[in-house]
């Protein structure tokens, strides 16, 4: 009878690359919690409640927000770095390098964020003078 050694539960700790992949996937849980937290806050604001809103300035809430933001940024940056391998960006016949593709994607993200902010908050980004 041949005995097969079962793989360790900590196989992903063997290489730094595996740890980075695992953390990127784990960051999805933090992004979900970030979204759910802010949806809960918006629901409370809509109903007139101020439960979580009064907690904004507390040290634990600020720490949680910074942690969630860090995981969100890590997830976004690593995803944008992965995109050129999955779908290379071409401009004409030139294929952008990973760093240029990252800059192009983050630039698009900033533009989209500014447009959404202008719609939601009424911020005038481009003022006609």
N, C-alpha and C. Protein backbone atom coordinates (compact mmCIF):
# COMPACT_ATOMS: atom_id res chain seq x y z
N UNK A 1 0.83 -1.17 0.00
CA UNK A 1 0.00 0.00 0.00
C UNK A 1 0.88 1.25 0.00
N UNK A 2 0.57 2.17 -0.87
CA UNK A 2 1.34 3.41 -0.99
C UNK A 2 0.68 4.47 -0.13
N UNK A 3 1.48 5.07 0.70
CA UNK A 3 0.96 6.15 1.54
C UNK A 3 1.32 7.48 0.91
N UNK A 4 0.32 8.30 0.75
CA UNK A 4 0.51 9.63 0.17
C UNK A 4 0.53 10.63 1.31
N UNK A 5 1.58 11.42 1.36
CA UNK A 5 1.70 12.43 2.40
C UNK A 5 0.73 13.58 2.08
N UNK A 6 -0.10 13.91 3.05
CA UNK A 6 -1.05 15.01 2.85
C UNK A 6 -0.30 16.34 2.89
N UNK A 7 -0.70 17.25 2.02
CA UNK A 7 -0.02 18.56 2.01
C UNK A 7 -0.34 19.33 3.30
N UNK A 8 0.59 20.14 3.70
CA UNK A 8 0.41 20.96 4.89
C UNK A 8 -0.66 22.02 4.64
N UNK A 9 -1.34 22.42 5.69
CA UNK A 9 -2.32 23.50 5.58
C UNK A 9 -1.63 24.84 5.36
N UNK A 10 -0.35 24.89 5.61
CA UNK A 10 0.40 26.14 5.50
C UNK A 10 1.33 26.15 4.28
N UNK A 11 0.94 25.47 3.22
CA UNK A 11 1.76 25.38 2.01
C UNK A 11 2.02 26.75 1.42
N UNK A 12 1.09 27.68 1.60
CA UNK A 12 1.20 29.00 1.00
C UNK A 12 2.24 29.87 1.70
N UNK A 13 2.74 29.44 2.85
CA UNK A 13 3.77 30.20 3.55
C UNK A 13 5.18 29.90 3.05
N UNK A 14 5.30 28.96 2.11
CA UNK A 14 6.62 28.55 1.64
C UNK A 14 7.30 29.58 0.74
N UNK A 15 6.52 30.33 -0.01
CA UNK A 15 7.09 31.32 -0.93
C UNK A 15 6.42 32.68 -0.74
N UNK A 16 7.20 33.72 -0.91
CA UNK A 16 6.68 35.08 -0.77
C UNK A 16 5.57 35.35 -1.80
N UNK A 17 5.71 34.79 -2.99
CA UNK A 17 4.72 34.98 -4.06
C UNK A 17 3.36 34.39 -3.63
N UNK A 18 3.39 33.23 -2.99
CA UNK A 18 2.16 32.60 -2.52
C UNK A 18 1.50 33.43 -1.42
N UNK A 19 2.34 34.00 -0.55
CA UNK A 19 1.80 34.84 0.53
C UNK A 19 1.11 36.06 -0.06
N UNK A 20 1.73 36.68 -1.09
CA UNK A 20 1.14 37.86 -1.73
C UNK A 20 -0.20 37.51 -2.38
N UNK A 21 -0.27 36.36 -3.03
CA UNK A 21 -1.53 35.93 -3.66
C UNK A 21 -2.59 35.68 -2.59
N UNK A 22 -2.19 35.01 -1.51
CA UNK A 22 -3.12 34.72 -0.43
C UNK A 22 -3.64 36.02 0.19
N UNK A 23 -2.75 36.99 0.42
CA UNK A 23 -3.18 38.26 1.00
C UNK A 23 -4.10 39.03 0.07
N UNK A 24 -3.83 38.95 -1.25
CA UNK A 24 -4.72 39.64 -2.18
C UNK A 24 -6.12 39.03 -2.13
N UNK A 25 -6.18 37.71 -2.08
CA UNK A 25 -7.49 37.06 -2.00
C UNK A 25 -8.16 37.34 -0.66
N UNK A 26 -7.40 37.37 0.41
CA UNK A 26 -7.95 37.67 1.73
C UNK A 26 -8.44 39.11 1.79
N UNK A 27 -7.79 40.00 1.06
CA UNK A 27 -8.19 41.40 1.08
C UNK A 27 -9.61 41.59 0.55
N UNK A 28 -10.11 40.65 -0.21
CA UNK A 28 -11.50 40.73 -0.69
C UNK A 28 -12.48 40.74 0.48
N UNK A 29 -12.15 40.00 1.53
CA UNK A 29 -13.00 39.97 2.72
C UNK A 29 -13.02 41.35 3.38
N UNK A 30 -11.86 42.00 3.42
CA UNK A 30 -11.80 43.33 4.01
C UNK A 30 -12.54 44.35 3.15
N UNK A 31 -12.45 44.21 1.84
CA UNK A 31 -13.18 45.11 0.95
C UNK A 31 -14.68 44.92 1.13
N UNK A 32 -15.12 43.68 1.25
CA UNK A 32 -16.53 43.42 1.51
C UNK A 32 -16.98 44.05 2.82
N UNK A 33 -16.17 43.92 3.86
CA UNK A 33 -16.54 44.52 5.14
C UNK A 33 -16.57 46.04 5.06
N UNK A 34 -15.66 46.62 4.26
CA UNK A 34 -15.62 48.07 4.04
C UNK A 34 -16.92 48.52 3.39
N UNK A 35 -17.34 47.82 2.36
CA UNK A 35 -18.57 48.17 1.64
C UNK A 35 -19.78 48.00 2.55
N UNK A 36 -19.86 46.89 3.27
CA UNK A 36 -21.00 46.64 4.16
C UNK A 36 -21.07 47.67 5.29
N UNK A 37 -19.92 48.05 5.82
CA UNK A 37 -19.89 49.06 6.87
C UNK A 37 -20.46 50.38 6.38
N UNK A 38 -20.03 50.81 5.22
CA UNK A 38 -20.52 52.09 4.70
C UNK A 38 -21.96 52.01 4.22
N UNK A 39 -22.41 50.87 3.76
CA UNK A 39 -23.83 50.72 3.43
C UNK A 39 -24.67 50.80 4.70
N UNK A 40 -24.18 50.21 5.77
CA UNK A 40 -24.88 50.29 7.05
C UNK A 40 -24.95 51.73 7.54
N UNK A 41 -23.85 52.46 7.41
CA UNK A 41 -23.83 53.87 7.81
C UNK A 41 -24.80 54.68 6.97
N UNK A 42 -24.82 54.44 5.66
CA UNK A 42 -25.76 55.17 4.79
C UNK A 42 -27.21 54.84 5.14
N UNK A 43 -27.49 53.59 5.47
CA UNK A 43 -28.85 53.20 5.85
C UNK A 43 -29.26 53.89 7.14
N UNK A 44 -28.33 54.01 8.09
CA UNK A 44 -28.64 54.69 9.33
C UNK A 44 -28.86 56.18 9.11
N UNK A 45 -28.07 56.78 8.25
CA UNK A 45 -28.25 58.20 7.94
C UNK A 45 -29.59 58.45 7.26
N UNK A 46 -29.98 57.55 6.36
CA UNK A 46 -31.24 57.72 5.65
C UNK A 46 -32.42 57.62 6.61
N UNK A 47 -32.32 56.74 7.60
CA UNK A 47 -33.42 56.57 8.54
C UNK A 47 -33.38 57.58 9.68
N UNK A 48 -32.40 58.48 9.66
CA UNK A 48 -32.33 59.52 10.67
C UNK A 48 -31.51 59.14 11.88
N UNK A 49 -31.05 57.89 11.94
CA UNK A 49 -30.24 57.45 13.08
C UNK A 49 -28.82 57.97 12.99
N UNK A 50 -28.19 58.08 14.12
CA UNK A 50 -26.81 58.56 14.15
C UNK A 50 -25.91 57.59 14.90
N UNK A 51 -26.28 56.32 14.96
CA UNK A 51 -25.55 55.31 15.71
C UNK A 51 -24.08 55.22 15.35
N UNK A 52 -23.78 54.79 14.15
CA UNK A 52 -22.38 54.62 13.73
C UNK A 52 -21.73 55.94 13.35
N UNK A 53 -22.54 56.91 12.93
CA UNK A 53 -21.99 58.20 12.50
C UNK A 53 -21.27 58.88 13.66
N UNK A 54 -21.77 58.71 14.87
CA UNK A 54 -21.14 59.33 16.04
C UNK A 54 -19.80 58.67 16.37
N UNK A 55 -19.53 57.50 15.80
CA UNK A 55 -18.29 56.77 16.06
C UNK A 55 -17.16 57.14 15.10
N UNK A 56 -17.42 57.99 14.12
CA UNK A 56 -16.42 58.33 13.11
C UNK A 56 -15.11 58.83 13.69
N UNK A 57 -15.18 59.67 14.70
CA UNK A 57 -13.99 60.32 15.22
C UNK A 57 -13.27 59.50 16.29
N UNK A 58 -13.73 58.31 16.59
CA UNK A 58 -13.08 57.51 17.62
C UNK A 58 -11.84 56.82 17.06
N UNK A 59 -10.90 56.56 17.92
CA UNK A 59 -9.64 55.94 17.51
C UNK A 59 -9.86 54.55 16.88
N UNK A 60 -10.70 53.68 17.46
CA UNK A 60 -10.90 52.37 16.84
C UNK A 60 -11.49 52.47 15.42
N UNK A 61 -12.43 53.39 15.22
CA UNK A 61 -13.05 53.52 13.90
C UNK A 61 -12.04 54.04 12.88
N UNK A 62 -11.23 55.02 13.28
CA UNK A 62 -10.21 55.55 12.38
C UNK A 62 -9.18 54.45 12.06
N UNK A 63 -8.78 53.69 13.08
CA UNK A 63 -7.85 52.58 12.85
C UNK A 63 -8.43 51.53 11.92
N UNK A 64 -9.70 51.19 12.12
CA UNK A 64 -10.38 50.23 11.24
C UNK A 64 -10.44 50.76 9.82
N UNK A 65 -10.77 52.03 9.67
CA UNK A 65 -10.86 52.63 8.34
C UNK A 65 -9.51 52.62 7.63
N UNK A 66 -8.46 52.92 8.35
CA UNK A 66 -7.12 52.93 7.75
C UNK A 66 -6.72 51.51 7.34
N UNK A 67 -7.02 50.53 8.20
CA UNK A 67 -6.71 49.13 7.88
C UNK A 67 -7.48 48.68 6.65
N UNK A 68 -8.77 48.98 6.60
CA UNK A 68 -9.59 48.59 5.45
C UNK A 68 -9.13 49.30 4.18
N UNK A 69 -8.75 50.56 4.30
CA UNK A 69 -8.24 51.29 3.15
C UNK A 69 -6.93 50.68 2.65
N UNK A 70 -6.05 50.30 3.57
CA UNK A 70 -4.78 49.69 3.18
C UNK A 70 -5.00 48.39 2.42
N UNK A 71 -5.90 47.55 2.91
CA UNK A 71 -6.19 46.30 2.20
C UNK A 71 -6.84 46.57 0.85
N UNK A 72 -7.70 47.58 0.78
CA UNK A 72 -8.34 47.93 -0.50
C UNK A 72 -7.31 48.41 -1.51
N UNK A 73 -6.39 49.25 -1.06
CA UNK A 73 -5.34 49.73 -1.96
C UNK A 73 -4.42 48.60 -2.39
N UNK A 74 -4.06 47.71 -1.46
CA UNK A 74 -3.22 46.57 -1.80
C UNK A 74 -3.90 45.70 -2.86
N UNK A 75 -5.18 45.45 -2.66
CA UNK A 75 -5.94 44.63 -3.61
C UNK A 75 -5.98 45.30 -4.98
N UNK A 76 -6.27 46.59 -5.01
CA UNK A 76 -6.37 47.31 -6.28
C UNK A 76 -5.05 47.34 -7.02
N UNK A 77 -3.98 47.70 -6.32
CA UNK A 77 -2.67 47.82 -6.97
C UNK A 77 -2.20 46.45 -7.48
N UNK A 78 -2.33 45.41 -6.66
CA UNK A 78 -1.88 44.09 -7.12
C UNK A 78 -2.74 43.58 -8.27
N UNK A 79 -4.03 43.92 -8.26
CA UNK A 79 -4.89 43.52 -9.37
C UNK A 79 -4.49 44.23 -10.65
N UNK A 80 -4.24 45.55 -10.54
CA UNK A 80 -3.83 46.30 -11.72
C UNK A 80 -2.47 45.85 -12.23
N UNK A 81 -1.59 45.41 -11.33
CA UNK A 81 -0.30 44.87 -11.77
C UNK A 81 -0.47 43.53 -12.47
N UNK A 82 -1.50 42.79 -12.10
CA UNK A 82 -1.76 41.48 -12.70
C UNK A 82 -2.43 41.60 -14.06
N UNK A 83 -3.16 42.68 -14.29
CA UNK A 83 -3.93 42.85 -15.53
C UNK A 83 -3.10 42.73 -16.82
N UNK A 84 -1.89 43.32 -16.89
CA UNK A 84 -1.14 43.21 -18.15
C UNK A 84 -0.80 41.76 -18.52
N UNK A 85 -0.69 40.89 -17.53
CA UNK A 85 -0.42 39.48 -17.83
C UNK A 85 -1.67 38.79 -18.35
N UNK A 86 -2.81 39.21 -17.85
CA UNK A 86 -4.08 38.60 -18.27
C UNK A 86 -4.53 39.16 -19.60
N UNK A 87 -4.53 40.49 -19.70
CA UNK A 87 -4.98 41.17 -20.92
C UNK A 87 -4.01 42.30 -21.21
N UNK A 88 -3.02 42.07 -22.05
CA UNK A 88 -2.05 43.13 -22.35
C UNK A 88 -2.74 44.36 -22.96
N UNK A 89 -2.31 45.54 -22.51
CA UNK A 89 -2.87 46.79 -23.04
C UNK A 89 -2.07 47.19 -24.27
N UNK A 90 -2.79 47.40 -25.37
CA UNK A 90 -2.15 47.80 -26.61
C UNK A 90 -2.64 49.18 -27.02
N UNK A 91 -1.69 50.00 -27.44
CA UNK A 91 -2.02 51.29 -28.04
C UNK A 91 -1.38 51.24 -29.41
N UNK A 92 -2.20 51.05 -30.42
CA UNK A 92 -1.67 50.82 -31.76
C UNK A 92 -1.00 49.47 -31.79
N UNK A 93 0.29 49.47 -32.14
CA UNK A 93 1.04 48.21 -32.16
C UNK A 93 1.94 48.07 -30.93
N UNK A 94 1.90 49.07 -30.06
CA UNK A 94 2.75 49.07 -28.87
C UNK A 94 2.01 48.41 -27.71
N UNK A 95 2.67 47.46 -27.05
CA UNK A 95 2.11 46.82 -25.86
C UNK A 95 2.73 47.51 -24.65
N UNK A 96 1.87 48.03 -23.78
CA UNK A 96 2.36 48.74 -22.60
C UNK A 96 3.01 47.79 -21.61
N UNK A 97 4.05 48.27 -20.94
CA UNK A 97 4.68 47.47 -19.89
C UNK A 97 3.74 47.42 -18.69
N UNK A 98 4.06 46.58 -17.74
CA UNK A 98 3.22 46.44 -16.56
C UNK A 98 3.06 47.73 -15.79
N UNK A 99 4.16 48.48 -15.64
CA UNK A 99 4.10 49.74 -14.88
C UNK A 99 3.28 50.79 -15.60
N UNK A 100 3.45 50.88 -16.92
CA UNK A 100 2.65 51.85 -17.68
C UNK A 100 1.17 51.47 -17.68
N UNK A 101 0.89 50.18 -17.74
CA UNK A 101 -0.50 49.73 -17.67
C UNK A 101 -1.08 50.05 -16.30
N UNK A 102 -0.28 49.88 -15.24
CA UNK A 102 -0.73 50.23 -13.90
C UNK A 102 -1.06 51.71 -13.81
N UNK A 103 -0.18 52.55 -14.34
CA UNK A 103 -0.41 53.99 -14.32
C UNK A 103 -1.66 54.35 -15.12
N UNK A 104 -1.84 53.74 -16.29
CA UNK A 104 -3.02 54.00 -17.11
C UNK A 104 -4.30 53.58 -16.39
N UNK A 105 -4.28 52.40 -15.76
CA UNK A 105 -5.46 51.92 -15.04
C UNK A 105 -5.77 52.79 -13.81
N UNK A 106 -4.73 53.14 -13.04
CA UNK A 106 -4.96 53.99 -11.88
C UNK A 106 -5.42 55.38 -12.30
N UNK A 107 -4.90 55.88 -13.42
CA UNK A 107 -5.38 57.16 -13.95
C UNK A 107 -6.85 57.09 -14.31
N UNK A 108 -7.25 56.00 -14.96
CA UNK A 108 -8.67 55.81 -15.28
C UNK A 108 -9.51 55.72 -14.02
N UNK A 109 -8.98 55.08 -12.99
CA UNK A 109 -9.69 54.97 -11.72
C UNK A 109 -9.87 56.33 -11.07
N UNK A 110 -8.83 57.16 -11.13
CA UNK A 110 -8.92 58.51 -10.56
C UNK A 110 -9.95 59.34 -11.33
N UNK A 111 -9.92 59.28 -12.65
CA UNK A 111 -10.88 60.03 -13.46
C UNK A 111 -12.31 59.58 -13.16
N UNK A 112 -12.52 58.26 -13.11
CA UNK A 112 -13.86 57.74 -12.80
C UNK A 112 -14.30 58.16 -11.40
N UNK A 113 -13.37 58.14 -10.43
CA UNK A 113 -13.71 58.55 -9.07
C UNK A 113 -14.08 60.02 -9.01
N UNK A 114 -13.34 60.85 -9.75
CA UNK A 114 -13.67 62.28 -9.77
C UNK A 114 -15.03 62.54 -10.41
N UNK A 115 -15.32 61.81 -11.48
CA UNK A 115 -16.63 61.98 -12.12
C UNK A 115 -17.76 61.54 -11.19
N UNK A 116 -17.57 60.43 -10.50
CA UNK A 116 -18.60 59.97 -9.56
C UNK A 116 -18.75 60.96 -8.41
N UNK A 117 -17.62 61.48 -7.90
CA UNK A 117 -17.68 62.47 -6.83
C UNK A 117 -18.41 63.72 -7.28
N UNK A 118 -18.20 64.12 -8.52
CA UNK A 118 -18.89 65.31 -9.01
C UNK A 118 -20.39 65.07 -9.13
N UNK A 119 -20.78 63.85 -9.46
CA UNK A 119 -22.21 63.54 -9.54
C UNK A 119 -22.85 63.41 -8.15
N UNK A 120 -22.15 62.75 -7.24
CA UNK A 120 -22.71 62.49 -5.91
C UNK A 120 -22.69 63.74 -5.04
N UNK A 121 -21.56 64.44 -5.03
CA UNK A 121 -21.40 65.56 -4.11
C UNK A 121 -21.60 66.91 -4.77
N UNK A 122 -21.82 66.93 -6.07
CA UNK A 122 -22.01 68.19 -6.76
C UNK A 122 -20.74 69.01 -6.89
N UNK A 123 -19.60 68.35 -6.81
CA UNK A 123 -18.32 69.03 -6.94
C UNK A 123 -18.08 69.35 -8.40
N UNK A 124 -17.73 70.60 -8.66
CA UNK A 124 -17.43 70.97 -10.03
C UNK A 124 -15.95 70.79 -10.28
N UNK A 125 -15.62 69.80 -11.11
CA UNK A 125 -14.22 69.51 -11.39
C UNK A 125 -13.73 70.43 -12.49
N UNK A 126 -14.47 70.47 -13.55
CA UNK A 126 -14.14 71.34 -14.67
C UNK A 126 -15.13 72.49 -14.68
N UNK A 127 -14.70 73.64 -14.22
CA UNK A 127 -15.61 74.77 -14.19
C UNK A 127 -15.46 75.60 -15.45
N UNK A 128 -16.57 75.97 -16.04
CA UNK A 128 -16.56 76.79 -17.25
C UNK A 128 -16.46 78.26 -16.84
N UNK A 129 -15.37 78.88 -17.18
CA UNK A 129 -15.19 80.29 -16.83
C UNK A 129 -15.03 81.12 -18.06
